[in-house]
Amino acid sequence: MVVVTNPAEYSFVKFRNSTTTGKKYDAMLYNKKAKRYMIVPFGSAEYPQYEDQTGLGTYSHLNTFSKERRRLYKLRHEKTRHNKFSSSWFSDRYLW
């Protein structure tokens, strides 16, 4: 899992289909201090999600809208889903 140590230094740029095997999307971030881009892959391509809200819709055919699955996902990832700009944070906000 990718974790950004200082989220204040980053700004979100866009989503794209992931180039990482087994991942659904990449979030592109820009580091204002270092003036470089960072890619954060997120979402397992093997599993469905509650609702694809990335705007790309590549995996929206895997939407389940199951409130029970959503509840269990959020419970399982409670420790990591609040770290801003982490893989878990993007999955929580845009897929679950």
N, C-alpha and C. Protein backbone atom coordinates (compact mmCIF):
# COMPACT_ATOMS: atom_id res chain seq x y z
N MET A 1 0.84 -1.18 0.00
CA MET A 1 0.00 0.00 0.00
C MET A 1 0.89 1.24 0.00
N VAL A 2 0.55 2.19 -0.84
CA VAL A 2 1.28 3.45 -0.92
C VAL A 2 0.71 4.40 0.13
N VAL A 3 1.61 5.02 0.91
CA VAL A 3 1.20 5.98 1.92
C VAL A 3 1.99 7.27 1.70
N VAL A 4 1.30 8.39 1.65
CA VAL A 4 1.92 9.70 1.50
C VAL A 4 2.20 10.22 2.90
N THR A 5 3.48 10.56 3.17
CA THR A 5 3.86 10.97 4.52
C THR A 5 3.39 12.38 4.86
N ASN A 6 3.39 13.30 3.90
CA ASN A 6 2.95 14.66 4.16
C ASN A 6 1.96 15.09 3.08
N PRO A 7 0.66 14.80 3.27
CA PRO A 7 -0.33 15.08 2.24
C PRO A 7 -0.46 16.56 1.86
N ALA A 8 -0.04 17.46 2.73
CA ALA A 8 -0.14 18.89 2.43
C ALA A 8 0.77 19.29 1.27
N GLU A 9 1.79 18.50 1.02
CA GLU A 9 2.72 18.79 -0.08
C GLU A 9 2.19 18.32 -1.44
N TYR A 10 1.09 17.59 -1.45
CA TYR A 10 0.57 17.00 -2.68
C TYR A 10 -0.76 17.60 -3.08
N SER A 11 -1.00 17.56 -4.37
CA SER A 11 -2.33 17.91 -4.88
C SER A 11 -2.75 16.81 -5.86
N PHE A 12 -4.03 16.51 -5.86
CA PHE A 12 -4.57 15.50 -6.75
C PHE A 12 -4.66 16.06 -8.17
N VAL A 13 -4.25 15.26 -9.16
CA VAL A 13 -4.28 15.70 -10.56
C VAL A 13 -5.40 15.01 -11.32
N LYS A 14 -5.37 13.65 -11.37
CA LYS A 14 -6.39 12.92 -12.12
C LYS A 14 -6.30 11.43 -11.85
N PHE A 15 -7.33 10.70 -12.30
CA PHE A 15 -7.33 9.24 -12.30
C PHE A 15 -7.02 8.76 -13.70
N ARG A 16 -6.46 7.56 -13.77
CA ARG A 16 -6.26 6.88 -15.06
C ARG A 16 -6.36 5.39 -14.81
N ASN A 17 -6.57 4.62 -15.87
CA ASN A 17 -6.57 3.17 -15.74
C ASN A 17 -5.16 2.75 -15.33
N SER A 18 -5.08 1.81 -14.41
CA SER A 18 -3.79 1.45 -13.83
C SER A 18 -2.89 0.69 -14.80
N THR A 19 -1.61 0.97 -14.68
CA THR A 19 -0.59 0.23 -15.43
C THR A 19 0.02 -0.85 -14.54
N THR A 20 -0.40 -0.91 -13.27
CA THR A 20 0.07 -1.91 -12.32
C THR A 20 -0.80 -3.15 -12.43
N THR A 21 -0.19 -4.29 -12.62
CA THR A 21 -0.93 -5.55 -12.73
C THR A 21 -1.76 -5.80 -11.48
N GLY A 22 -3.03 -6.12 -11.68
CA GLY A 22 -3.92 -6.44 -10.57
C GLY A 22 -4.61 -5.25 -9.93
N LYS A 23 -4.35 -4.04 -10.42
CA LYS A 23 -4.97 -2.84 -9.86
C LYS A 23 -5.92 -2.22 -10.88
N LYS A 24 -6.97 -1.56 -10.38
CA LYS A 24 -7.98 -0.96 -11.26
C LYS A 24 -7.54 0.41 -11.77
N TYR A 25 -7.16 1.28 -10.87
CA TYR A 25 -6.88 2.67 -11.23
C TYR A 25 -5.58 3.16 -10.61
N ASP A 26 -5.06 4.23 -11.18
CA ASP A 26 -3.94 4.98 -10.61
C ASP A 26 -4.44 6.38 -10.32
N ALA A 27 -4.07 6.90 -9.17
CA ALA A 27 -4.33 8.30 -8.85
C ALA A 27 -3.02 9.04 -9.07
N MET A 28 -3.06 10.09 -9.84
CA MET A 28 -1.86 10.87 -10.10
C MET A 28 -1.85 12.07 -9.16
N LEU A 29 -0.76 12.18 -8.40
CA LEU A 29 -0.59 13.28 -7.45
C LEU A 29 0.62 14.11 -7.87
N TYR A 30 0.59 15.38 -7.55
CA TYR A 30 1.72 16.26 -7.84
C TYR A 30 2.31 16.76 -6.54
N ASN A 31 3.61 16.55 -6.35
CA ASN A 31 4.31 17.03 -5.17
C ASN A 31 4.76 18.46 -5.45
N LYS A 32 4.16 19.41 -4.76
CA LYS A 32 4.42 20.83 -4.99
C LYS A 32 5.84 21.22 -4.59
N LYS A 33 6.36 20.58 -3.57
CA LYS A 33 7.69 20.91 -3.07
C LYS A 33 8.79 20.35 -3.99
N ALA A 34 8.67 19.08 -4.34
CA ALA A 34 9.69 18.42 -5.18
C ALA A 34 9.44 18.64 -6.67
N LYS A 35 8.25 19.15 -7.01
CA LYS A 35 7.85 19.38 -8.41
C LYS A 35 7.94 18.09 -9.24
N ARG A 36 7.38 17.02 -8.65
CA ARG A 36 7.34 15.72 -9.33
C ARG A 36 5.96 15.10 -9.18
N TYR A 37 5.66 14.17 -10.07
CA TYR A 37 4.41 13.43 -10.00
C TYR A 37 4.62 12.13 -9.26
N MET A 38 3.57 11.68 -8.61
CA MET A 38 3.58 10.40 -7.90
C MET A 38 2.33 9.64 -8.30
N ILE A 39 2.46 8.35 -8.52
CA ILE A 39 1.35 7.49 -8.92
C ILE A 39 0.98 6.59 -7.74
N VAL A 40 -0.31 6.56 -7.41
CA VAL A 40 -0.81 5.71 -6.33
C VAL A 40 -1.82 4.73 -6.93
N PRO A 41 -1.41 3.46 -7.13
CA PRO A 41 -2.36 2.46 -7.64
C PRO A 41 -3.33 2.04 -6.53
N PHE A 42 -4.58 1.79 -6.92
CA PHE A 42 -5.57 1.37 -5.92
C PHE A 42 -6.67 0.54 -6.56
N GLY A 43 -7.36 -0.24 -5.73
CA GLY A 43 -8.48 -1.06 -6.16
C GLY A 43 -8.03 -2.36 -6.81
N SER A 44 -8.35 -3.47 -6.19
CA SER A 44 -8.00 -4.77 -6.75
C SER A 44 -8.91 -5.09 -7.94
N ALA A 45 -8.30 -5.44 -9.06
CA ALA A 45 -9.05 -5.76 -10.27
C ALA A 45 -9.79 -7.09 -10.14
N GLU A 46 -9.45 -7.88 -9.13
CA GLU A 46 -10.06 -9.19 -8.94
C GLU A 46 -11.43 -9.13 -8.24
N TYR A 47 -11.73 -8.01 -7.60
CA TYR A 47 -12.94 -7.94 -6.78
C TYR A 47 -13.87 -6.81 -7.22
N PRO A 48 -15.17 -6.98 -6.98
CA PRO A 48 -16.11 -5.88 -7.26
C PRO A 48 -16.00 -4.80 -6.19
N GLN A 49 -16.64 -3.68 -6.42
CA GLN A 49 -16.67 -2.58 -5.46
C GLN A 49 -18.11 -2.17 -5.26
N TYR A 50 -18.34 -1.28 -4.28
CA TYR A 50 -19.70 -0.80 -4.04
C TYR A 50 -20.17 0.04 -5.21
N GLU A 51 -19.42 1.10 -5.54
CA GLU A 51 -19.77 1.95 -6.68
C GLU A 51 -18.52 2.66 -7.18
N ASP A 52 -18.26 2.55 -8.47
CA ASP A 52 -17.12 3.21 -9.11
C ASP A 52 -17.45 4.68 -9.30
N GLN A 53 -16.80 5.56 -8.53
CA GLN A 53 -17.06 6.99 -8.61
C GLN A 53 -15.85 7.78 -9.11
N THR A 54 -14.96 7.13 -9.85
CA THR A 54 -13.76 7.79 -10.33
C THR A 54 -14.05 8.72 -11.51
N GLY A 55 -15.16 8.51 -12.17
CA GLY A 55 -15.47 9.29 -13.36
C GLY A 55 -15.02 8.60 -14.63
N LEU A 56 -14.15 7.60 -14.51
CA LEU A 56 -13.70 6.86 -15.68
C LEU A 56 -14.68 5.76 -16.04
N GLY A 57 -15.23 5.09 -15.05
CA GLY A 57 -16.25 4.07 -15.27
C GLY A 57 -15.78 2.78 -15.90
N THR A 58 -14.48 2.57 -15.94
CA THR A 58 -13.94 1.35 -16.55
C THR A 58 -14.43 0.09 -15.85
N TYR A 59 -14.58 0.16 -14.53
CA TYR A 59 -14.99 -1.01 -13.75
C TYR A 59 -16.39 -0.87 -13.17
N SER A 60 -17.20 0.02 -13.71
CA SER A 60 -18.55 0.21 -13.16
C SER A 60 -19.44 -1.02 -13.37
N HIS A 61 -19.06 -1.91 -14.27
CA HIS A 61 -19.83 -3.15 -14.43
C HIS A 61 -19.65 -4.08 -13.23
N LEU A 62 -18.67 -3.77 -12.36
CA LEU A 62 -18.45 -4.57 -11.15
C LEU A 62 -19.09 -3.95 -9.91
N ASN A 63 -19.90 -2.91 -10.08
CA ASN A 63 -20.61 -2.31 -8.95
C ASN A 63 -21.58 -3.31 -8.35
N THR A 64 -21.59 -3.41 -7.01
CA THR A 64 -22.50 -4.35 -6.35
C THR A 64 -23.65 -3.63 -5.63
N PHE A 65 -23.41 -2.43 -5.15
CA PHE A 65 -24.38 -1.67 -4.35
C PHE A 65 -24.86 -2.47 -3.14
N SER A 66 -24.01 -3.39 -2.67
CA SER A 66 -24.32 -4.20 -1.49
C SER A 66 -23.86 -3.46 -0.24
N LYS A 67 -24.80 -3.04 0.58
CA LYS A 67 -24.47 -2.30 1.80
C LYS A 67 -23.72 -3.17 2.81
N GLU A 68 -23.99 -4.45 2.81
CA GLU A 68 -23.29 -5.36 3.71
C GLU A 68 -21.82 -5.50 3.31
N ARG A 69 -21.54 -5.67 2.02
CA ARG A 69 -20.14 -5.75 1.55
C ARG A 69 -19.41 -4.45 1.84
N ARG A 70 -20.11 -3.33 1.67
CA ARG A 70 -19.51 -2.02 1.93
C ARG A 70 -19.16 -1.88 3.41
N ARG A 71 -20.07 -2.28 4.26
CA ARG A 71 -19.84 -2.20 5.71
C ARG A 71 -18.63 -3.04 6.11
N LEU A 72 -18.55 -4.26 5.58
CA LEU A 72 -17.45 -5.15 5.91
C LEU A 72 -16.11 -4.63 5.37
N TYR A 73 -16.12 -4.03 4.19
CA TYR A 73 -14.89 -3.45 3.63
C TYR A 73 -14.38 -2.33 4.54
N LYS A 74 -15.29 -1.43 4.91
CA LYS A 74 -14.89 -0.29 5.75
C LYS A 74 -14.41 -0.76 7.13
N LEU A 75 -15.01 -1.78 7.66
CA LEU A 75 -14.58 -2.34 8.93
C LEU A 75 -13.18 -2.97 8.82
N ARG A 76 -12.95 -3.68 7.73
CA ARG A 76 -11.68 -4.37 7.51
C ARG A 76 -10.53 -3.37 7.31
N HIS A 77 -10.81 -2.22 6.71
CA HIS A 77 -9.76 -1.25 6.39
C HIS A 77 -9.78 -0.02 7.30
N GLU A 78 -10.38 -0.13 8.44
CA GLU A 78 -10.55 1.02 9.34
C GLU A 78 -9.23 1.68 9.73
N LYS A 79 -8.18 0.92 9.93
CA LYS A 79 -6.91 1.48 10.38
C LYS A 79 -6.19 2.29 9.31
N THR A 80 -6.38 1.96 8.05
CA THR A 80 -5.59 2.60 7.00
C THR A 80 -6.38 3.53 6.09
N ARG A 81 -7.70 3.47 6.11
CA ARG A 81 -8.48 4.23 5.13
C ARG A 81 -8.56 5.72 5.41
N HIS A 82 -8.01 6.18 6.52
CA HIS A 82 -8.07 7.60 6.85
C HIS A 82 -6.76 8.33 6.53
N ASN A 83 -5.74 7.60 6.04
CA ASN A 83 -4.46 8.22 5.66
C ASN A 83 -4.62 8.88 4.30
N LYS A 84 -4.73 10.21 4.28
CA LYS A 84 -5.02 10.94 3.05
C LYS A 84 -4.03 10.62 1.93
N PHE A 85 -4.56 10.38 0.76
CA PHE A 85 -3.84 10.06 -0.48
C PHE A 85 -3.17 8.69 -0.47
N SER A 86 -3.52 7.81 0.46
CA SER A 86 -3.00 6.45 0.43
C SER A 86 -3.88 5.61 -0.51
N SER A 87 -3.41 4.44 -0.87
CA SER A 87 -4.18 3.53 -1.72
C SER A 87 -5.53 3.21 -1.08
N SER A 88 -5.48 2.97 0.22
CA SER A 88 -6.69 2.64 0.96
C SER A 88 -7.66 3.82 1.00
N TRP A 89 -7.14 5.03 1.12
CA TRP A 89 -7.97 6.25 1.14
C TRP A 89 -8.70 6.43 -0.19
N PHE A 90 -7.99 6.23 -1.31
CA PHE A 90 -8.62 6.37 -2.62
C PHE A 90 -9.69 5.28 -2.83
N SER A 91 -9.39 4.05 -2.43
CA SER A 91 -10.37 2.97 -2.56
C SER A 91 -11.61 3.27 -1.73
N ASP A 92 -11.40 3.74 -0.52
CA ASP A 92 -12.52 4.04 0.37
C ASP A 92 -13.39 5.16 -0.19
N ARG A 93 -12.79 6.20 -0.68
CA ARG A 93 -13.56 7.36 -1.17
C ARG A 93 -14.20 7.16 -2.54
N TYR A 94 -13.50 6.47 -3.44
CA TYR A 94 -13.97 6.42 -4.83
C TYR A 94 -14.51 5.07 -5.27
N LEU A 95 -14.30 4.03 -4.48
CA LEU A 95 -14.85 2.72 -4.85
C LEU A 95 -15.82 2.19 -3.80
N TRP A 96 -15.66 2.55 -2.55
CA TRP A 96 -16.50 2.02 -1.48
C TRP A 96 -17.29 3.10 -0.82
